[in-house]
Amino acid sequence: MRALSTGFVDPKIVSGIALLLLGFAFSELRFSGDLRQLDYQNDKLLSLQEQIKAGGPDERAVLVYGDSLDALLLKMEGIEKENASFRSLARISRSKKGFADYMKALETIDFDLLRKTLELEAVKAGFRPGTFNDAYRFLDHLRYSELDLAVAKALGFETLQMGEGRWMSLAFIDAAHSGDLAYDNGLVLLDASTLLQKGVEEVLKQLVLIAGVTLGFISLLLLYLLRKRAFVAFNYILFPLGVIAAVLAVEGSFSVMHLFALVIVMVAAIDYGIYMSDAQEETDEAIYYAMLTTFSGFGIFVFSHIGALHHIGLVIALGIASTFVLQTFQKLIQR
């Protein structure tokens, strides 16, 4: 009964429940940087898109970087040895090392014996004698030559010198084998969704840092303004965060729009917490109306078929619902 004597739900109990929910969420929740889930979910168009993909060649573009043109070719030769579906400059040219290895391989072949054998078989087949006497003679004058970049571009392997000691070339790989490559700073998969996801994940790191600093500043501000009542006010932020995070964890992931809506919930929750730390009957009624208008403005988006709007609506609806539950319990205890 001591916990209820102040007229509030015991802040420790509320905080404990919120922390349990957050603990569950952190163990299960994963960030999704796929922006396609934020778009309108038109099943017919998505099905047609899959049919179009299935009906044509499905390749992924890859950017390969090297310190020189020769290093670029050497890297591509290594990739092609491990993955036969990889198409690059190595299909039309060789690195200096690759050319040297090729010449060494040719030295192991007895071309004189090969020409004699070819000549005998050719005569048997009806060719005039001496027709193949000069077969393979061109190999005697074979020399290494630099790659013609104009030819490479015409064949689809655009190659550019980005600066002193830095080259870049376009290559291709079958989509089914694109996951077999070891991507790093010298090998980049040009997949729009992957690149966008990486960009969104970088933004997420900044947003999480800003949100953490903001939450810390809010906590200190509440402590300074409300003193002993700060714990009660802070629960109006912590409890909705716990409920929202737990529900999103059950769904499996959260997006940038979830995080954006979470900021709105936090802003509203700060006001609710400050007012409810010393609630009056008139304050209760005002907060109920405020929650209703917030839901009318944003929470209604939960019924939208557009992913981004649905994410905003879901978070705000959960935030309002959890705040309503917390406020209702507090009001019942006060009575």
Protein backbone atom coordinates (compact mmCIF):
# COMPACT_ATOMS: atom_id res chain seq x y z
CA MET A 1 0.00 0.00 0.00
CA ARG A 2 2.95 2.30 0.52
CA ALA A 3 3.64 2.19 -3.20
CA LEU A 4 0.13 3.43 -3.86
CA SER A 5 -0.03 6.11 -1.22
CA THR A 6 1.25 8.80 -3.56
CA GLY A 7 -1.62 8.21 -5.98
CA PHE A 8 0.58 6.81 -8.70
CA VAL A 9 1.31 3.42 -10.14
CA ASP A 10 4.54 2.40 -8.44
CA PRO A 11 7.22 3.86 -10.77
CA LYS A 12 9.54 0.94 -10.09
CA ILE A 13 6.94 -1.56 -11.31
CA VAL A 14 6.28 0.46 -14.47
CA SER A 15 9.99 0.87 -15.15
CA GLY A 16 10.58 -2.82 -14.53
CA ILE A 17 7.89 -3.83 -17.03
CA ALA A 18 9.23 -1.33 -19.58
CA LEU A 19 12.80 -2.59 -19.18
CA LEU A 20 11.67 -6.20 -19.58
CA LEU A 21 9.88 -5.26 -22.81
CA LEU A 22 12.94 -3.37 -24.06
CA GLY A 23 15.18 -6.30 -23.17
CA PHE A 24 12.99 -8.67 -25.16
CA ALA A 25 12.90 -6.21 -28.07
CA PHE A 26 16.68 -5.75 -28.21
CA SER A 27 17.20 -9.50 -28.37
CA GLU A 28 14.75 -9.97 -31.25
CA LEU A 29 14.51 -6.68 -33.12
CA ARG A 30 16.42 -6.16 -36.38
CA PHE A 31 16.70 -3.04 -38.52
CA SER A 32 15.43 -3.25 -42.10
CA GLY A 33 16.95 -0.79 -44.59
CA ASP A 34 14.81 -2.08 -47.45
CA LEU A 35 13.01 1.04 -48.65
CA ARG A 36 10.67 -1.00 -50.83
CA GLN A 37 8.65 -2.00 -47.77
CA LEU A 38 7.78 1.69 -47.32
CA ASP A 39 6.06 1.85 -50.71
CA TYR A 40 2.51 0.94 -51.69
CA GLN A 41 2.02 -2.82 -51.56
CA ASN A 42 0.45 -3.46 -54.96
CA ASP A 43 0.45 -7.25 -55.18
CA LYS A 44 -0.43 -7.35 -58.89
CA LEU A 45 2.44 -5.05 -59.85
CA LEU A 46 4.87 -6.93 -57.63
CA SER A 47 3.83 -10.22 -59.23
CA LEU A 48 4.28 -8.74 -62.72
CA GLN A 49 7.72 -7.46 -61.73
CA GLU A 50 8.79 -10.96 -60.68
CA GLN A 51 7.54 -12.39 -63.99
CA ILE A 52 9.54 -9.83 -65.96
CA LYS A 53 12.66 -10.65 -63.97
CA ALA A 54 12.18 -14.36 -64.57
CA GLY A 55 11.77 -13.83 -68.33
CA GLY A 56 15.13 -12.18 -69.06
CA PRO A 57 18.81 -12.34 -68.22
CA ASP A 58 19.38 -11.67 -64.55
CA GLU A 59 22.83 -10.24 -63.94
CA ARG A 60 24.24 -7.88 -61.34
CA ALA A 61 26.76 -5.16 -62.09
CA VAL A 62 29.95 -5.08 -60.05
CA LEU A 63 32.56 -2.33 -59.69
CA VAL A 64 36.14 -3.56 -59.40
CA TYR A 65 38.91 -1.25 -58.16
CA GLY A 66 42.68 -1.55 -58.53
CA ASP A 67 45.83 0.46 -58.03
CA SER A 68 46.68 0.11 -61.73
CA LEU A 69 45.15 -1.27 -64.89
CA ASP A 70 47.35 -4.34 -64.60
CA ALA A 71 46.32 -4.86 -60.95
CA LEU A 72 42.70 -4.53 -62.04
CA LEU A 73 43.10 -7.28 -64.65
CA LEU A 74 44.97 -9.49 -62.19
CA LYS A 75 42.15 -9.18 -59.64
CA MET A 76 39.51 -10.00 -62.26
CA GLU A 77 41.44 -13.06 -63.43
CA GLY A 78 41.44 -14.36 -59.87
CA ILE A 79 37.71 -13.79 -59.50
CA GLU A 80 36.94 -15.54 -62.81
CA LYS A 81 38.90 -18.61 -61.72
CA GLU A 82 36.66 -18.93 -58.66
CA ASN A 83 33.39 -17.95 -60.35
CA ALA A 84 32.79 -18.89 -63.97
CA SER A 85 29.73 -16.61 -64.27
CA PHE A 86 31.86 -13.50 -63.63
CA ARG A 87 32.31 -11.44 -66.83
CA SER A 88 34.95 -8.73 -66.95
CA LEU A 89 37.96 -7.31 -68.80
CA ALA A 90 39.69 -10.62 -68.13
CA ARG A 91 37.54 -12.08 -70.92
CA ILE A 92 39.20 -9.86 -73.54
CA SER A 93 42.66 -9.13 -72.12
CA ARG A 94 45.27 -10.43 -69.68
CA SER A 95 47.40 -8.98 -66.95
CA LYS A 96 51.18 -9.10 -67.38
CA LYS A 97 51.38 -12.03 -65.00
CA GLY A 98 48.47 -13.72 -66.73
CA PHE A 99 50.16 -13.25 -70.11
CA ALA A 100 53.46 -14.62 -68.76
CA ASP A 101 51.67 -17.70 -67.38
CA TYR A 102 49.94 -18.13 -70.76
CA MET A 103 53.27 -18.02 -72.60
CA LYS A 104 54.76 -20.56 -70.22
CA ALA A 105 51.80 -22.87 -70.89
CA LEU A 106 52.40 -22.53 -74.65
CA GLU A 107 56.05 -23.52 -74.21
CA THR A 108 54.95 -26.93 -72.96
CA ILE A 109 53.22 -27.66 -76.27
CA ASP A 110 55.24 -29.21 -79.15
CA PHE A 111 53.84 -27.17 -82.04
CA ASP A 112 56.14 -28.85 -84.64
CA LEU A 113 54.65 -32.23 -83.78
CA LEU A 114 51.18 -30.70 -83.71
CA ARG A 115 51.64 -29.21 -87.18
CA LYS A 116 52.89 -32.53 -88.61
CA THR A 117 49.92 -34.37 -87.10
CA LEU A 118 47.54 -31.74 -88.40
CA GLU A 119 49.09 -31.88 -91.87
CA LEU A 120 48.79 -35.65 -92.09
CA GLU A 121 45.16 -35.65 -90.98
CA ALA A 122 44.38 -32.76 -93.33
CA VAL A 123 45.83 -34.59 -96.35
CA LYS A 124 43.79 -37.66 -95.45
CA ALA A 125 40.72 -35.47 -95.31
CA GLY A 126 41.38 -34.15 -98.83
CA PHE A 127 43.28 -30.89 -98.21
CA ARG A 128 46.25 -29.98 -100.39
CA PRO A 129 49.68 -30.78 -98.91
CA GLY A 130 51.24 -27.83 -97.08
CA THR A 131 47.91 -26.20 -96.25
CA PHE A 132 48.66 -26.19 -92.50
CA ASN A 133 52.45 -25.81 -92.57
CA ASP A 134 52.21 -22.36 -91.00
CA ALA A 135 49.59 -23.22 -88.40
CA TYR A 136 50.30 -21.57 -85.02
CA ARG A 137 53.26 -19.57 -86.46
CA PHE A 138 51.70 -16.36 -85.19
CA LEU A 139 52.42 -17.49 -81.63
CA ASP A 140 56.15 -17.04 -82.34
CA HIS A 141 55.58 -13.28 -82.60
CA LEU A 142 53.03 -12.96 -79.82
CA ARG A 143 53.80 -9.96 -77.57
CA TYR A 144 52.03 -8.37 -74.64
CA SER A 145 49.92 -5.34 -75.58
CA GLU A 146 48.05 -2.84 -73.43
CA LEU A 147 44.28 -3.03 -73.26
CA ASP A 148 42.37 -0.74 -75.63
CA LEU A 149 39.88 1.03 -73.34
CA ALA A 150 37.68 2.02 -76.30
CA VAL A 151 37.23 -1.64 -77.19
CA ALA A 152 36.50 -2.49 -73.56
CA LYS A 153 33.83 0.22 -73.41
CA ALA A 154 32.23 -0.99 -76.67
CA LEU A 155 31.95 -4.48 -75.16
CA GLY A 156 30.27 -3.11 -72.02
CA PHE A 157 33.29 -3.20 -69.70
CA GLU A 158 33.62 0.53 -69.01
CA THR A 159 37.03 1.22 -67.45
CA LEU A 160 38.17 4.54 -66.01
CA GLN A 161 41.22 5.99 -64.31
CA MET A 162 39.83 7.80 -61.27
CA GLY A 163 43.07 9.46 -60.29
CA GLU A 164 46.73 8.79 -59.74
CA GLY A 165 47.10 5.10 -59.00
CA ARG A 166 43.36 4.30 -58.92
CA TRP A 167 41.40 2.44 -61.61
CA MET A 168 37.81 1.25 -61.79
CA SER A 169 36.10 -1.16 -64.15
CA LEU A 170 32.57 -2.44 -64.64
CA ALA A 171 31.98 -6.19 -64.53
CA PHE A 172 28.97 -8.50 -64.34
CA ILE A 173 27.93 -11.65 -62.51
CA ASP A 174 24.86 -13.88 -62.53
CA ALA A 175 22.41 -12.82 -59.84
CA ALA A 176 22.28 -16.38 -58.53
CA HIS A 177 26.03 -16.24 -57.78
CA SER A 178 26.31 -12.61 -56.70
CA GLY A 179 26.35 -13.66 -53.06
CA ASP A 180 29.43 -15.85 -53.64
CA LEU A 181 31.79 -12.90 -54.00
CA ALA A 182 33.68 -11.41 -51.06
CA TYR A 183 32.80 -7.72 -51.27
CA ASP A 184 35.09 -5.06 -49.84
CA ASN A 185 36.40 -1.59 -50.76
CA GLY A 186 37.89 -3.04 -53.95
CA LEU A 187 34.78 -4.95 -55.03
CA VAL A 188 31.34 -3.35 -54.84
CA LEU A 189 28.02 -4.87 -55.90
CA LEU A 190 25.96 -2.31 -57.82
CA ASP A 191 22.59 -3.39 -56.51
CA ALA A 192 20.28 -0.43 -55.88
CA SER A 193 18.52 -1.95 -52.90
CA THR A 194 21.81 -2.99 -51.28
CA LEU A 195 23.39 0.44 -51.76
CA LEU A 196 20.28 2.16 -50.43
CA GLN A 197 20.17 -0.15 -47.45
CA LYS A 198 23.79 0.63 -46.59
CA GLY A 199 23.02 4.35 -46.85
CA VAL A 200 19.98 4.01 -44.62
CA GLU A 201 21.98 2.01 -42.07
CA GLU A 202 24.53 4.84 -41.89
CA VAL A 203 21.69 7.29 -41.28
CA LEU A 204 20.33 4.96 -38.61
CA LYS A 205 23.61 5.07 -36.68
CA GLN A 206 23.44 8.86 -36.60
CA LEU A 207 19.77 8.87 -35.60
CA VAL A 208 20.34 6.39 -32.79
CA LEU A 209 23.22 8.50 -31.48
CA ILE A 210 21.12 11.67 -31.61
CA ALA A 211 18.14 9.91 -30.00
CA GLY A 212 20.36 8.59 -27.20
CA VAL A 213 21.82 12.01 -26.48
CA THR A 214 18.35 13.56 -26.60
CA LEU A 215 16.93 10.95 -24.23
CA GLY A 216 19.78 11.57 -21.81
CA PHE A 217 19.23 15.32 -21.96
CA ILE A 218 15.48 14.85 -21.35
CA SER A 219 16.19 12.64 -18.34
CA LEU A 220 18.47 15.25 -16.78
CA LEU A 221 15.95 18.00 -17.52
CA LEU A 222 13.10 16.07 -15.90
CA LEU A 223 15.27 15.34 -12.90
CA TYR A 224 16.13 19.01 -12.53
CA LEU A 225 12.55 20.28 -12.98
CA LEU A 226 10.57 17.63 -11.14
CA ARG A 227 13.01 16.25 -8.58
CA LYS A 228 11.30 13.28 -6.87
CA ARG A 229 8.43 13.26 -9.38
CA ALA A 230 10.85 12.87 -12.32
CA PHE A 231 10.67 9.06 -12.12
CA VAL A 232 6.90 9.17 -12.65
CA ALA A 233 7.24 11.52 -15.61
CA PHE A 234 10.04 9.48 -17.18
CA ASN A 235 7.86 6.35 -17.15
CA TYR A 236 5.56 8.08 -19.65
CA ILE A 237 8.50 7.92 -22.06
CA LEU A 238 9.98 4.58 -21.04
CA PHE A 239 6.75 2.54 -20.96
CA PRO A 240 5.53 3.51 -24.48
CA LEU A 241 9.03 2.86 -25.83
CA GLY A 242 8.99 -0.60 -24.29
CA VAL A 243 5.55 -1.46 -25.69
CA ILE A 244 6.39 -0.17 -29.18
CA ALA A 245 9.75 -1.95 -29.28
CA ALA A 246 8.23 -5.23 -28.11
CA VAL A 247 5.46 -5.16 -30.75
CA LEU A 248 7.97 -4.34 -33.50
CA ALA A 249 10.18 -7.19 -32.25
CA VAL A 250 7.26 -9.58 -32.68
CA GLU A 251 6.88 -8.29 -36.24
CA GLY A 252 10.60 -8.89 -36.73
CA SER A 253 12.10 -5.56 -37.80
CA PHE A 254 11.82 -1.79 -37.71
CA SER A 255 12.36 0.87 -40.37
CA VAL A 256 13.44 4.50 -40.58
CA MET A 257 9.78 5.58 -40.49
CA HIS A 258 9.26 3.64 -37.26
CA LEU A 259 12.15 5.60 -35.76
CA PHE A 260 10.77 8.88 -37.10
CA ALA A 261 7.37 8.20 -35.51
CA LEU A 262 9.09 7.19 -32.28
CA VAL A 263 10.47 10.72 -32.01
CA ILE A 264 6.92 12.09 -32.25
CA VAL A 265 5.80 9.71 -29.49
CA MET A 266 8.70 10.79 -27.30
CA VAL A 267 7.88 14.48 -27.78
CA ALA A 268 4.25 13.91 -26.80
CA ALA A 269 5.20 11.58 -23.94
CA ILE A 270 7.44 14.23 -22.36
CA ASP A 271 4.48 16.60 -22.04
CA TYR A 272 2.19 13.87 -20.75
CA GLY A 273 4.78 12.83 -18.18
CA ILE A 274 5.32 16.35 -16.86
CA TYR A 275 1.59 17.01 -16.53
CA MET A 276 0.77 13.61 -15.04
CA SER A 277 3.51 13.90 -12.41
CA ASP A 278 1.17 16.34 -10.66
CA ALA A 279 -2.14 15.49 -12.31
CA GLN A 280 -5.41 17.31 -11.66
CA GLU A 281 -8.85 16.34 -12.97
CA GLU A 282 -8.70 19.09 -15.59
CA THR A 283 -5.24 17.86 -16.65
CA ASP A 284 -6.51 14.31 -17.14
CA GLU A 285 -9.28 15.49 -19.43
CA ALA A 286 -6.93 17.69 -21.45
CA ILE A 287 -4.49 14.84 -21.95
CA TYR A 288 -7.25 12.49 -23.11
CA TYR A 289 -8.30 15.02 -25.73
CA ALA A 290 -4.67 15.56 -26.73
CA MET A 291 -4.21 11.81 -27.25
CA LEU A 292 -7.41 11.67 -29.29
CA THR A 293 -6.29 14.49 -31.60
CA THR A 294 -2.84 12.93 -31.98
CA PHE A 295 -4.41 9.63 -33.00
CA SER A 296 -6.76 11.41 -35.38
CA GLY A 297 -3.82 13.17 -37.02
CA PHE A 298 -1.25 10.37 -37.17
CA GLY A 299 -2.50 7.15 -35.59
CA ILE A 300 -5.16 6.71 -38.26
CA PHE A 301 -2.29 5.97 -40.69
CA VAL A 302 -2.14 2.48 -39.19
CA PHE A 303 -4.94 1.54 -41.60
CA SER A 304 -3.00 2.73 -44.67
CA HIS A 305 -1.72 0.30 -47.32
CA ILE A 306 1.28 2.56 -47.94
CA GLY A 307 4.15 1.12 -45.94
CA ALA A 308 5.65 4.39 -44.71
CA LEU A 309 2.32 5.75 -43.46
CA HIS A 310 1.40 2.42 -41.87
CA HIS A 311 4.69 2.39 -39.94
CA ILE A 312 4.09 5.91 -38.62
CA GLY A 313 0.51 5.10 -37.67
CA LEU A 314 1.43 1.84 -35.94
CA VAL A 315 4.07 3.42 -33.70
CA ILE A 316 1.91 6.40 -32.75
CA ALA A 317 -1.17 4.23 -32.12
CA LEU A 318 0.89 1.96 -29.84
CA GLY A 319 2.36 4.98 -28.09
CA ILE A 320 -1.06 6.51 -27.47
CA ALA A 321 -2.54 3.18 -26.34
CA SER A 322 0.26 2.52 -23.83
CA THR A 323 0.06 6.09 -22.51
CA PHE A 324 -3.72 5.74 -22.15
CA VAL A 325 -3.30 2.49 -20.20
CA LEU A 326 -0.70 4.02 -17.89
CA GLN A 327 -2.78 7.15 -17.30
CA THR A 328 -5.96 5.13 -16.69
CA PHE A 329 -4.28 2.96 -14.06
CA GLN A 330 -2.92 6.04 -12.37
CA LYS A 331 -6.36 7.63 -12.31
CA LEU A 332 -7.95 4.47 -10.86
CA ILE A 333 -5.39 4.37 -8.08
CA GLN A 334 -5.96 8.02 -7.26
CA ARG A 335 -9.64 7.22 -6.76
